[in-house]
Amino acid sequence: MHPIFESLAQLKRREFLGRSGLGLGAAALGTLLGGSAGAAEAAGPASAPSPATLPVDPLARRKPHFKARAKNVIYLHMIGGPSQLDLFENKPELIKRDGEKCPEELTKGKRFAFIGDKLTLAGSTFKFAKHGQGGVELSELLPNLARVADKICVLKSVHTEEINHAPAQMFLHTGFGRGNRPSVGSWVTYGLGSESADLPAYVVMLSGPLGGAGTSLWSAGFLPSVYQGIQFRAGGDAVLFLSNPAGVGGADRRRLLDAVGKLNRERLSTVGDPEIATRISQYEMAFRMQSSVPELMEIKGETAETLELYGATPGKASFANNCLLARRLVERGSRIVELYDADWDHHGSLSTRLPGKTKDVDRAMAGLVEDLDRRGLLDETLVVWGSEFGRTPLRQGADGDGTATKPGRDHHKDAYCMWMAGGGVRGGITYGQTDDFGFNVAADGVHVHDLNATILHLLGLDHERLTYKYQGREFRLTDVEGHVLEKILA
């Protein structure tokens, strides 16, 4: 457990009841205030905290375990699983044997989500070319990303343990395929705190519907709730209830917060519940955000050239606008920004749907890398692009028929692609290799735990030391596995 909570969360139940002098009534009030017995008992016995030393800012900036290469993360998650075989993996043998029955030895023991028993090989219909000095091979669907090929590292051998969307999304973000675990963003803010006093450390934005795992993707899980992601919306108040109610002015709100803050601090000094520290911090943050968030969201002040670079349009909800806002957020000190873009689940009509989706994101994500680079921010900002899994080297129609006229691809967990840029990652390289058909990892596999261990490492955090004791066990993002991908580090 992080030291900031060691003095808060360790009161034994008997000590708590005795010290409060209020017995079960105090326990009931603590519950009403949002306290958690599980969290309060999480890390074993400790002496009662001194009111003079109680922290009121659980998001205060903290030192990393070692010198960090990156200060911030922008994580681009494509909900549904883009086809790596049509974007990053040129497989001439698969293309050559397109339409043939798949050899049984390639699918023996494999799990597929929906595909039927007509297992037909499916080569890509899109052209590939090598780009940049590093010769990174990309599909014709990514012409803008090709411009920054020497800035990105393509991971070609990512693999996961979950075959369906919601569990795989949770596994990627929390290291576990079920709920109630902290997301990667929550672990990062728990470990490092915030660089900004006026904006959330961990921000989430959506373009399209939410993923199957819902808000658990940015949940703090069993960590104190101050570390959960804050969703920004495209319309109305960027954050729900940010505006004052009718008839309430800034001075009125300040007086109210001062009075409530005093009561919360008194309560905090009595029971040492970290959720009360969360509440104090978030009330104050919300007050400051009433000024900082409207200024942040107003992108029309950007130059015409910058808007053109991203393909952003002021006042319009889009992935492009979110990418520009992500740059503005890290400029202002937000620690981690996650962008979720929907509708990448192409079981059918891949030949028309995939080009439509890449057109939505290609210009903006390339523009993000370019913009960060020219502003001197790319060296300290890690950009991660990927999804919960990839797609099969097999043809699938909406009905699972391998002979469908408008085919797509099924879920594939055993080998897929992601890319990273900036923040201490070598650019212009690929890492990992799959077999001739893209079914399996052939060399330098990247398990999801390896990916997360590397993200933490680049931020100066040792994934084996960043732990939190809950229900008698020390938990971490990478569970009991994970290795840093040393070969991709600059």
Protein backbone atom coordinates (compact mmCIF):
# COMPACT_ATOMS: atom_id res chain seq x y z
CA MET A 1 0.00 0.00 0.00
CA HIS A 2 1.17 3.50 -0.78
CA PRO A 3 2.55 5.36 2.28
CA ILE A 4 -0.02 8.13 1.93
CA PHE A 5 -2.70 5.76 3.15
CA GLU A 6 -0.74 3.78 5.71
CA SER A 7 -1.72 6.23 8.42
CA LEU A 8 -5.29 6.54 7.21
CA ALA A 9 -6.49 3.08 6.44
CA GLN A 10 -5.12 0.97 9.27
CA LEU A 11 -7.35 1.59 12.29
CA LYS A 12 -8.44 -1.69 13.82
CA ARG A 13 -12.21 -1.90 14.24
CA ARG A 14 -11.91 -2.12 18.04
CA GLU A 15 -9.57 0.92 18.12
CA PHE A 16 -11.89 2.86 15.85
CA LEU A 17 -14.96 2.24 18.02
CA GLY A 18 -13.06 3.02 21.19
CA ARG A 19 -11.37 6.18 19.96
CA SER A 20 -14.47 7.64 18.38
CA GLY A 21 -16.41 7.37 21.65
CA LEU A 22 -19.55 6.92 19.59
CA GLY A 23 -19.66 3.16 19.19
CA LEU A 24 -21.90 1.71 16.53
CA GLY A 25 -23.47 5.09 15.81
CA ALA A 26 -20.13 6.34 14.52
CA ALA A 27 -19.74 3.23 12.40
CA ALA A 28 -23.15 3.85 10.84
CA LEU A 29 -22.27 7.48 10.16
CA GLY A 30 -19.00 6.38 8.60
CA THR A 31 -20.97 4.14 6.24
CA LEU A 32 -23.29 7.00 5.30
CA LEU A 33 -20.26 9.16 4.57
CA GLY A 34 -19.01 6.60 2.08
CA GLY A 35 -16.39 4.85 4.21
CA SER A 36 -15.27 1.30 3.35
CA ALA A 37 -14.49 -1.21 6.07
CA GLY A 38 -12.65 -3.31 3.51
CA ALA A 39 -10.38 -0.43 2.64
CA ALA A 40 -9.93 0.61 6.25
CA GLU A 41 -8.70 -2.85 7.20
CA ALA A 42 -6.83 -3.54 4.00
CA ALA A 43 -3.23 -3.33 5.10
CA GLY A 44 -3.20 -4.64 8.66
CA PRO A 45 -2.70 -2.98 12.04
CA ALA A 46 -1.26 0.46 12.62
CA SER A 47 -1.45 3.20 15.19
CA ALA A 48 -4.12 5.87 14.94
CA PRO A 49 -3.21 8.80 12.69
CA SER A 50 -2.37 12.15 14.16
CA PRO A 51 -4.78 14.87 13.01
CA ALA A 52 -1.80 17.12 12.31
CA THR A 53 -0.35 14.67 9.79
CA LEU A 54 -3.50 13.61 7.96
CA PRO A 55 -3.16 14.24 4.21
CA VAL A 56 -5.88 16.24 2.51
CA ASP A 57 -4.49 15.87 -1.01
CA PRO A 58 -4.18 12.20 -1.95
CA LEU A 59 -3.27 13.32 -5.50
CA ALA A 60 -0.19 15.27 -4.43
CA ARG A 61 2.70 14.65 -6.82
CA ARG A 62 4.94 11.78 -5.70
CA LYS A 63 8.38 10.61 -6.71
CA PRO A 64 8.63 7.55 -8.99
CA HIS A 65 10.62 4.47 -7.98
CA PHE A 66 13.37 5.46 -10.40
CA LYS A 67 14.02 8.08 -13.06
CA ALA A 68 11.08 8.17 -15.43
CA ARG A 69 11.30 8.43 -19.20
CA ALA A 70 7.68 9.61 -19.51
CA LYS A 71 5.55 11.95 -17.41
CA ASN A 72 2.19 11.36 -19.08
CA VAL A 73 0.25 8.76 -21.07
CA ILE A 74 -2.29 9.17 -23.86
CA TYR A 75 -3.97 5.80 -24.39
CA LEU A 76 -6.01 5.31 -27.58
CA HIS A 77 -8.30 2.30 -27.24
CA MET A 78 -10.18 1.10 -30.33
CA ILE A 79 -13.22 -0.70 -28.91
CA GLY A 80 -13.97 -3.99 -30.64
CA GLY A 81 -10.65 -5.23 -32.02
CA PRO A 82 -9.21 -3.75 -35.26
CA SER A 83 -7.93 -6.27 -37.80
CA GLN A 84 -4.16 -6.36 -37.46
CA LEU A 85 -4.02 -8.45 -40.64
CA ASP A 86 -5.42 -5.55 -42.66
CA LEU A 87 -3.49 -2.76 -40.91
CA PHE A 88 -0.07 -3.91 -39.64
CA GLU A 89 0.57 -7.56 -40.56
CA ASN A 90 1.38 -8.23 -44.21
CA LYS A 91 1.08 -12.00 -44.69
CA PRO A 92 1.90 -12.98 -48.31
CA GLU A 93 1.33 -16.69 -47.65
CA LEU A 94 -2.11 -16.01 -46.20
CA ILE A 95 -2.94 -13.80 -49.19
CA LYS A 96 -1.69 -16.50 -51.57
CA ARG A 97 -3.95 -19.11 -49.97
CA ASP A 98 -6.98 -16.87 -49.56
CA GLY A 99 -10.19 -18.89 -49.86
CA GLU A 100 -8.58 -22.25 -49.13
CA LYS A 101 -9.75 -24.49 -46.34
CA CYS A 102 -7.68 -23.85 -43.25
CA PRO A 103 -5.33 -26.74 -42.32
CA GLU A 104 -6.58 -28.43 -39.17
CA GLU A 105 -3.21 -28.17 -37.41
CA LEU A 106 -3.50 -24.35 -37.41
CA THR A 107 -6.76 -24.28 -35.48
CA LYS A 108 -6.31 -27.32 -33.24
CA GLY A 109 -7.01 -26.34 -29.65
CA LYS A 110 -7.94 -22.76 -30.53
CA ARG A 111 -10.94 -20.88 -29.20
CA PHE A 112 -13.08 -18.67 -31.42
CA ALA A 113 -16.00 -16.55 -30.30
CA PHE A 114 -18.56 -16.95 -33.08
CA ILE A 115 -17.05 -18.41 -36.22
CA GLY A 116 -18.71 -21.54 -37.59
CA ASP A 117 -17.15 -24.78 -38.78
CA LYS A 118 -16.32 -23.54 -42.29
CA LEU A 119 -12.78 -22.45 -41.50
CA THR A 120 -11.58 -20.62 -44.61
CA LEU A 121 -8.29 -18.71 -44.83
CA ALA A 122 -8.71 -15.00 -45.48
CA GLY A 123 -5.87 -12.87 -46.84
CA SER A 124 -6.05 -9.10 -46.78
CA THR A 125 -7.32 -7.26 -49.85
CA PHE A 126 -5.44 -4.10 -48.88
CA LYS A 127 -1.95 -3.18 -50.09
CA PHE A 128 1.03 -2.80 -47.76
CA ALA A 129 4.21 -0.74 -48.06
CA LYS A 130 7.27 0.02 -45.94
CA HIS A 131 7.70 3.51 -44.55
CA GLY A 132 10.40 5.66 -42.97
CA GLN A 133 14.03 4.85 -42.38
CA GLY A 134 13.01 1.95 -40.16
CA GLY A 135 10.91 0.34 -42.89
CA VAL A 136 7.78 -0.05 -40.75
CA GLU A 137 5.20 -1.88 -42.88
CA LEU A 138 1.71 -0.40 -42.88
CA SER A 139 -1.51 -0.86 -44.81
CA GLU A 140 -2.73 1.62 -47.38
CA LEU A 141 -5.54 2.37 -44.91
CA LEU A 142 -3.07 4.28 -42.69
CA PRO A 143 -1.50 6.91 -45.00
CA ASN A 144 -1.18 9.53 -42.27
CA LEU A 145 0.31 7.19 -39.70
CA ALA A 146 2.86 6.31 -42.38
CA ARG A 147 4.15 9.91 -42.13
CA VAL A 148 5.21 9.30 -38.53
CA ALA A 149 6.42 5.72 -39.05
CA ASP A 150 9.83 6.59 -37.64
CA LYS A 151 8.18 7.77 -34.41
CA ILE A 152 6.22 4.59 -33.65
CA CYS A 153 7.05 1.10 -32.43
CA VAL A 154 4.65 -1.58 -33.71
CA LEU A 155 4.20 -4.53 -31.35
CA LYS A 156 3.27 -7.46 -33.63
CA SER A 157 3.02 -10.25 -31.06
CA VAL A 158 0.58 -9.04 -28.41
CA HIS A 159 -1.55 -11.78 -26.87
CA THR A 160 -4.21 -11.91 -24.20
CA GLU A 161 -6.19 -14.51 -22.26
CA GLU A 162 -9.78 -13.45 -22.96
CA ILE A 163 -11.76 -14.12 -26.14
CA ASN A 164 -14.81 -11.88 -25.65
CA HIS A 165 -14.99 -8.10 -25.51
CA ALA A 166 -15.86 -7.12 -21.95
CA PRO A 167 -13.50 -9.59 -20.22
CA ALA A 168 -10.70 -8.79 -22.68
CA GLN A 169 -11.17 -5.04 -22.23
CA MET A 170 -10.97 -5.48 -18.46
CA PHE A 171 -7.94 -7.78 -18.77
CA LEU A 172 -6.08 -5.21 -20.87
CA HIS A 173 -6.84 -2.35 -18.51
CA THR A 174 -6.78 -4.06 -15.11
CA GLY A 175 -4.79 -7.29 -15.59
CA PHE A 176 -7.88 -9.35 -14.72
CA GLY A 177 -10.87 -10.44 -16.80
CA ARG A 178 -13.48 -9.61 -14.15
CA GLY A 179 -14.53 -6.47 -12.32
CA ASN A 180 -13.43 -4.73 -9.11
CA ARG A 181 -9.80 -4.26 -10.09
CA PRO A 182 -8.12 -0.86 -10.57
CA SER A 183 -7.50 0.28 -14.13
CA VAL A 184 -4.06 1.11 -15.43
CA GLY A 185 -4.88 4.82 -15.14
CA SER A 186 -5.86 4.39 -11.51
CA TRP A 187 -2.63 2.53 -10.74
CA VAL A 188 -0.62 5.31 -12.41
CA THR A 189 -2.29 8.12 -10.47
CA TYR A 190 -2.07 6.08 -7.25
CA GLY A 191 1.66 5.71 -7.81
CA LEU A 192 2.53 9.20 -9.07
CA GLY A 193 -0.25 11.59 -8.10
CA SER A 194 -1.08 14.55 -10.30
CA GLU A 195 0.89 17.27 -12.05
CA SER A 196 -2.15 19.57 -12.16
CA ALA A 197 -3.98 21.39 -9.39
CA ASP A 198 -6.85 22.46 -11.66
CA LEU A 199 -7.63 19.40 -13.79
CA PRO A 200 -8.14 15.71 -13.03
CA ALA A 201 -5.07 13.48 -13.10
CA TYR A 202 -6.97 10.80 -15.04
CA VAL A 203 -9.37 11.82 -17.82
CA VAL A 204 -11.51 9.67 -20.12
CA MET A 205 -13.24 10.71 -23.36
CA LEU A 206 -15.45 8.69 -25.73
CA SER A 207 -16.19 8.86 -29.44
CA GLY A 208 -19.15 6.56 -29.99
CA PRO A 209 -20.80 4.11 -27.57
CA LEU A 210 -19.07 2.80 -24.48
CA GLY A 211 -17.33 -0.59 -24.57
CA GLY A 212 -18.90 -3.76 -23.19
CA ALA A 213 -16.98 -3.50 -19.92
CA GLY A 214 -18.53 -0.09 -19.27
CA THR A 215 -17.12 2.34 -16.72
CA SER A 216 -15.15 -0.46 -15.05
CA LEU A 217 -12.48 0.34 -17.65
CA TRP A 218 -11.55 3.46 -15.70
CA SER A 219 -12.65 2.34 -12.25
CA ALA A 220 -10.39 2.61 -9.21
CA GLY A 221 -11.57 -0.85 -8.13
CA PHE A 222 -10.47 -1.43 -4.55
CA LEU A 223 -8.16 1.60 -4.57
CA PRO A 224 -9.53 4.79 -2.96
CA SER A 225 -12.01 6.32 -5.37
CA VAL A 226 -9.94 9.49 -5.84
CA TYR A 227 -7.93 7.48 -8.38
CA GLN A 228 -10.78 6.65 -10.76
CA GLY A 229 -10.97 8.24 -14.19
CA ILE A 230 -13.14 11.30 -14.77
CA GLN A 231 -15.20 11.21 -17.95
CA PHE A 232 -15.36 14.39 -20.02
CA ARG A 233 -18.39 14.77 -22.28
CA ALA A 234 -18.61 16.44 -25.68
CA GLY A 235 -21.83 18.37 -25.02
CA GLY A 236 -23.23 20.45 -22.17
CA ASP A 237 -21.07 20.52 -19.07
CA ALA A 238 -17.88 18.65 -19.92
CA VAL A 239 -18.14 17.14 -16.43
CA LEU A 240 -21.59 16.45 -15.02
CA PHE A 241 -22.87 19.04 -12.51
CA LEU A 242 -19.85 21.27 -13.02
CA SER A 243 -21.95 24.42 -13.34
CA ASN A 244 -23.49 26.09 -10.31
CA PRO A 245 -27.24 25.64 -9.84
CA ALA A 246 -29.45 28.55 -10.80
CA GLY A 247 -29.17 31.36 -8.27
CA VAL A 248 -25.89 30.12 -6.77
CA GLY A 249 -22.82 32.25 -7.40
CA GLY A 250 -19.13 31.54 -7.01
CA ALA A 251 -18.91 33.21 -3.60
CA ASP A 252 -21.88 31.19 -2.35
CA ARG A 253 -20.28 27.98 -3.50
CA ARG A 254 -16.97 28.93 -1.88
CA ARG A 255 -18.66 29.51 1.52
CA LEU A 256 -20.47 26.18 1.24
CA LEU A 257 -17.29 24.29 0.38
CA ASP A 258 -15.40 25.91 3.26
CA ALA A 259 -18.09 24.84 5.73
CA VAL A 260 -18.34 21.30 4.36
CA GLY A 261 -14.55 21.02 4.18
CA LYS A 262 -14.22 21.90 7.84
CA LEU A 263 -16.71 19.19 8.81
CA ASN A 264 -15.00 16.63 6.56
CA ARG A 265 -11.57 17.40 8.04
CA GLU A 266 -12.92 16.94 11.55
CA ARG A 267 -14.40 13.62 10.53
CA LEU A 268 -11.18 12.60 8.79
CA SER A 269 -9.12 13.31 11.91
CA THR A 270 -11.47 11.03 13.89
CA VAL A 271 -11.80 7.97 11.68
CA GLY A 272 -8.96 8.21 9.18
CA ASP A 273 -11.10 7.05 6.25
CA PRO A 274 -9.28 7.70 2.92
CA GLU A 275 -12.63 8.19 1.19
CA ILE A 276 -13.13 11.36 3.23
CA ALA A 277 -9.75 12.61 2.03
CA THR A 278 -10.98 11.81 -1.47
CA ARG A 279 -14.12 13.85 -0.90
CA ILE A 280 -12.21 16.89 0.37
CA SER A 281 -9.83 16.74 -2.59
CA GLN A 282 -12.57 16.28 -5.19
CA TYR A 283 -14.78 19.08 -3.88
CA GLU A 284 -11.87 21.48 -4.16
CA MET A 285 -10.92 20.15 -7.59
CA ALA A 286 -14.48 20.59 -8.82
CA PHE A 287 -14.43 24.24 -7.68
CA ARG A 288 -11.20 24.92 -9.59
CA MET A 289 -12.46 23.01 -12.64
CA GLN A 290 -15.31 25.47 -13.04
CA SER A 291 -12.69 27.81 -14.50
CA SER A 292 -10.12 25.42 -15.95
CA VAL A 293 -12.40 23.01 -17.84
CA PRO A 294 -14.30 25.52 -20.02
CA GLU A 295 -10.97 27.04 -21.07
CA LEU A 296 -9.56 23.58 -21.83
CA MET A 297 -12.52 22.51 -23.97
CA GLU A 298 -12.51 25.65 -26.11
CA ILE A 299 -10.34 24.50 -29.02
CA LYS A 300 -11.32 27.30 -31.41
CA GLY A 301 -8.37 29.25 -30.04
CA GLU A 302 -5.99 26.76 -31.67
CA THR A 303 -4.41 27.83 -34.96
CA ALA A 304 -6.08 26.85 -38.23
CA GLU A 305 -2.98 24.79 -39.06
CA THR A 306 -3.29 22.80 -35.82
CA LEU A 307 -6.99 22.12 -36.36
CA GLU A 308 -6.20 20.98 -39.90
CA LEU A 309 -3.42 18.71 -38.64
CA TYR A 310 -5.87 16.77 -36.47
CA GLY A 311 -8.92 17.19 -38.68
CA ALA A 312 -10.61 18.77 -35.65
CA THR A 313 -13.72 20.97 -35.81
CA PRO A 314 -14.62 23.24 -32.86
CA GLY A 315 -17.98 22.36 -31.36
CA LYS A 316 -18.10 18.90 -32.93
CA ALA A 317 -17.86 15.63 -31.02
CA SER A 318 -15.21 13.48 -32.69
CA PHE A 319 -12.13 11.35 -32.13
CA ALA A 320 -10.10 14.12 -33.78
CA ASN A 321 -11.32 16.70 -31.27
CA ASN A 322 -10.58 14.28 -28.44
CA CYS A 323 -7.01 13.80 -29.66
CA LEU A 324 -6.48 17.55 -29.65
CA LEU A 325 -8.01 17.81 -26.20
CA ALA A 326 -5.70 15.02 -25.01
CA ARG A 327 -2.69 17.12 -26.04
CA ARG A 328 -4.16 20.14 -24.26
CA LEU A 329 -4.72 18.04 -21.13
CA VAL A 330 -1.17 16.69 -20.88
CA GLU A 331 0.13 20.21 -21.53
CA ARG A 332 -1.81 21.30 -18.46
CA GLY A 333 -0.60 18.46 -16.27
CA SER A 334 -3.12 15.62 -16.53
CA ARG A 335 -1.22 12.40 -15.88
CA ILE A 336 -3.14 9.97 -18.10
CA VAL A 337 -5.78 10.54 -20.78
CA GLU A 338 -7.71 7.63 -22.31
CA LEU A 339 -9.64 7.98 -25.55
CA TYR A 340 -12.12 5.25 -26.48
CA ASP A 341 -13.30 4.98 -30.09
CA ALA A 342 -16.15 2.57 -30.86
CA ASP A 343 -17.29 0.25 -33.71
CA TRP A 344 -14.19 -1.81 -34.55
CA ASP A 345 -15.97 -5.19 -34.17
CA HIS A 346 -16.04 -6.23 -37.84
CA HIS A 347 -17.53 -9.73 -38.06
CA GLY A 348 -18.91 -8.83 -41.48
CA SER A 349 -18.45 -6.24 -44.26
CA LEU A 350 -14.86 -5.62 -43.21
CA SER A 351 -13.87 -4.39 -46.68
CA THR A 352 -16.12 -1.33 -46.30
CA ARG A 353 -16.35 -0.86 -42.52
CA LEU A 354 -12.62 -0.96 -41.76
CA PRO A 355 -11.72 1.80 -44.26
CA GLY A 356 -14.46 3.93 -42.73
CA LYS A 357 -13.05 3.50 -39.24
CA THR A 358 -9.43 4.09 -40.21
CA LYS A 359 -10.51 7.30 -41.95
CA ASP A 360 -12.02 8.39 -38.62
CA VAL A 361 -8.78 7.94 -36.66
CA ASP A 362 -5.73 7.87 -38.97
CA ARG A 363 -5.33 11.60 -39.48
CA ALA A 364 -6.01 12.49 -35.86
CA MET A 365 -3.68 9.97 -34.23
CA ALA A 366 -0.85 10.84 -36.65
CA GLY A 367 -1.53 14.51 -36.00
CA LEU A 368 -1.33 13.87 -32.26
CA VAL A 369 2.13 12.31 -32.58
CA GLU A 370 3.32 15.14 -34.85
CA ASP A 371 1.90 17.85 -32.64
CA LEU A 372 3.40 16.41 -29.46
CA ASP A 373 6.74 16.10 -31.23
CA ARG A 374 6.90 19.66 -32.54
CA ARG A 375 5.91 21.04 -29.11
CA GLY A 376 8.66 19.09 -27.39
CA LEU A 377 6.12 16.93 -25.53
CA LEU A 378 6.60 13.57 -27.26
CA ASP A 379 9.73 12.68 -25.31
CA GLU A 380 7.78 12.92 -22.06
CA THR A 381 4.39 11.66 -23.30
CA LEU A 382 3.83 7.98 -24.01
CA VAL A 383 1.20 7.33 -26.69
CA VAL A 384 -0.34 3.83 -26.72
CA TRP A 385 -2.70 2.58 -29.45
CA GLY A 386 -4.49 -0.76 -29.38
CA SER A 387 -7.47 -2.84 -28.43
CA GLU A 388 -8.61 -5.78 -26.36
CA PHE A 389 -7.65 -8.34 -29.06
CA GLY A 390 -7.28 -8.70 -32.83
CA ARG A 391 -9.05 -10.61 -35.64
CA THR A 392 -8.70 -14.10 -37.06
CA PRO A 393 -6.85 -15.07 -40.25
CA LEU A 394 -10.17 -16.77 -41.10
CA ARG A 395 -13.11 -15.49 -43.07
CA GLN A 396 -16.38 -14.93 -41.23
CA GLY A 397 -19.76 -13.66 -42.32
CA ALA A 398 -22.45 -12.30 -40.05
CA ASP A 399 -23.85 -15.85 -39.90
CA GLY A 400 -20.46 -17.50 -39.38
CA ASP A 401 -20.38 -18.80 -42.94
CA GLY A 402 -16.85 -18.90 -44.35
CA THR A 403 -18.18 -18.41 -47.88
CA ALA A 404 -20.12 -15.21 -47.12
CA THR A 405 -20.05 -12.51 -49.80
CA LYS A 406 -19.44 -9.70 -47.27
CA PRO A 407 -17.04 -11.36 -44.85
CA GLY A 408 -15.32 -10.09 -41.75
CA ARG A 409 -13.12 -11.69 -39.13
CA ASP A 410 -13.83 -13.20 -35.71
CA HIS A 411 -12.08 -12.37 -32.41
CA HIS A 412 -8.46 -13.49 -32.11
CA LYS A 413 -6.65 -13.39 -28.77
CA ASP A 414 -3.45 -15.31 -29.59
CA ALA A 415 -1.62 -12.73 -31.73
CA TYR A 416 -2.43 -9.13 -32.58
CA CYS A 417 -0.84 -5.68 -32.90
CA MET A 418 -0.55 -2.49 -30.91
CA TRP A 419 1.77 0.48 -31.29
CA MET A 420 3.51 2.91 -28.95
CA ALA A 421 5.28 6.21 -29.51
CA GLY A 422 7.29 8.70 -27.47
CA GLY A 423 7.92 8.53 -23.75
CA GLY A 424 11.16 6.55 -23.98
CA VAL A 425 10.10 4.08 -26.71
CA ARG A 426 12.30 3.55 -29.78
CA GLY A 427 10.68 4.77 -32.96
CA GLY A 428 10.77 3.26 -36.44
CA ILE A 429 10.85 -0.36 -35.27
CA THR A 430 8.67 -3.42 -35.04
CA TYR A 431 8.87 -5.92 -32.19
CA GLY A 432 7.70 -9.51 -32.19
CA GLN A 433 6.79 -11.90 -34.96
CA THR A 434 3.91 -14.21 -35.83
CA ASP A 435 3.72 -17.26 -38.08
CA ASP A 436 3.05 -17.08 -41.83
CA PHE A 437 -0.71 -17.01 -41.28
CA GLY A 438 -0.83 -14.75 -38.21
CA PHE A 439 -2.33 -17.41 -35.97
CA ASN A 440 0.39 -17.65 -33.33
CA VAL A 441 3.34 -15.76 -31.89
CA ALA A 442 6.59 -16.98 -33.44
CA ALA A 443 9.08 -14.78 -31.57
CA ASP A 444 9.19 -12.15 -28.80
CA GLY A 445 5.67 -12.50 -27.51
CA VAL A 446 4.09 -9.57 -25.67
CA HIS A 447 1.61 -10.66 -23.03
CA VAL A 448 -0.78 -7.99 -21.78
CA HIS A 449 1.07 -8.07 -18.44
CA ASP A 450 4.32 -7.32 -20.31
CA LEU A 451 2.67 -4.34 -21.99
CA ASN A 452 1.45 -2.94 -18.67
CA ALA A 453 4.79 -3.62 -16.95
CA THR A 454 6.48 -1.60 -19.70
CA ILE A 455 4.03 1.32 -19.46
CA LEU A 456 4.66 1.54 -15.71
CA HIS A 457 8.42 1.21 -16.21
CA LEU A 458 8.48 4.14 -18.64
CA LEU A 459 6.72 6.21 -15.98
CA GLY A 460 9.37 5.30 -13.43
CA LEU A 461 7.26 2.70 -11.62
CA ASP A 462 8.37 -0.85 -10.82
CA HIS A 463 5.35 -3.02 -11.57
CA GLU A 464 6.39 -5.48 -8.84
CA ARG A 465 6.62 -2.75 -6.19
CA LEU A 466 3.47 -0.81 -7.09
CA THR A 467 1.10 -2.79 -4.88
CA TYR A 468 -1.97 -2.38 -2.70
CA LYS A 469 -2.99 -4.76 0.05
CA TYR A 470 -6.64 -5.72 -0.15
CA GLN A 471 -8.45 -8.57 1.63
CA GLY A 472 -5.16 -9.94 2.89
CA ARG A 473 -3.32 -10.02 -0.42
CA GLU A 474 -0.90 -7.66 -2.14
CA PHE A 475 -2.35 -6.83 -5.55
CA ARG A 476 -0.65 -5.25 -8.54
CA LEU A 477 -1.60 -4.38 -12.12
CA THR A 478 0.45 -7.24 -13.59
CA ASP A 479 -0.84 -9.86 -11.12
CA VAL A 480 2.14 -12.24 -10.60
CA GLU A 481 3.58 -11.95 -14.10
CA GLY A 482 4.91 -9.36 -16.52
CA HIS A 483 8.31 -8.41 -17.92
CA VAL A 484 9.50 -5.04 -19.17
CA LEU A 485 10.11 -5.01 -22.93
CA GLU A 486 13.70 -3.84 -22.67
CA LYS A 487 14.37 -4.12 -26.43
CA ILE A 488 11.88 -1.38 -27.32
CA LEU A 489 13.28 1.18 -24.88
CA ALA A 490 15.19 4.13 -26.33
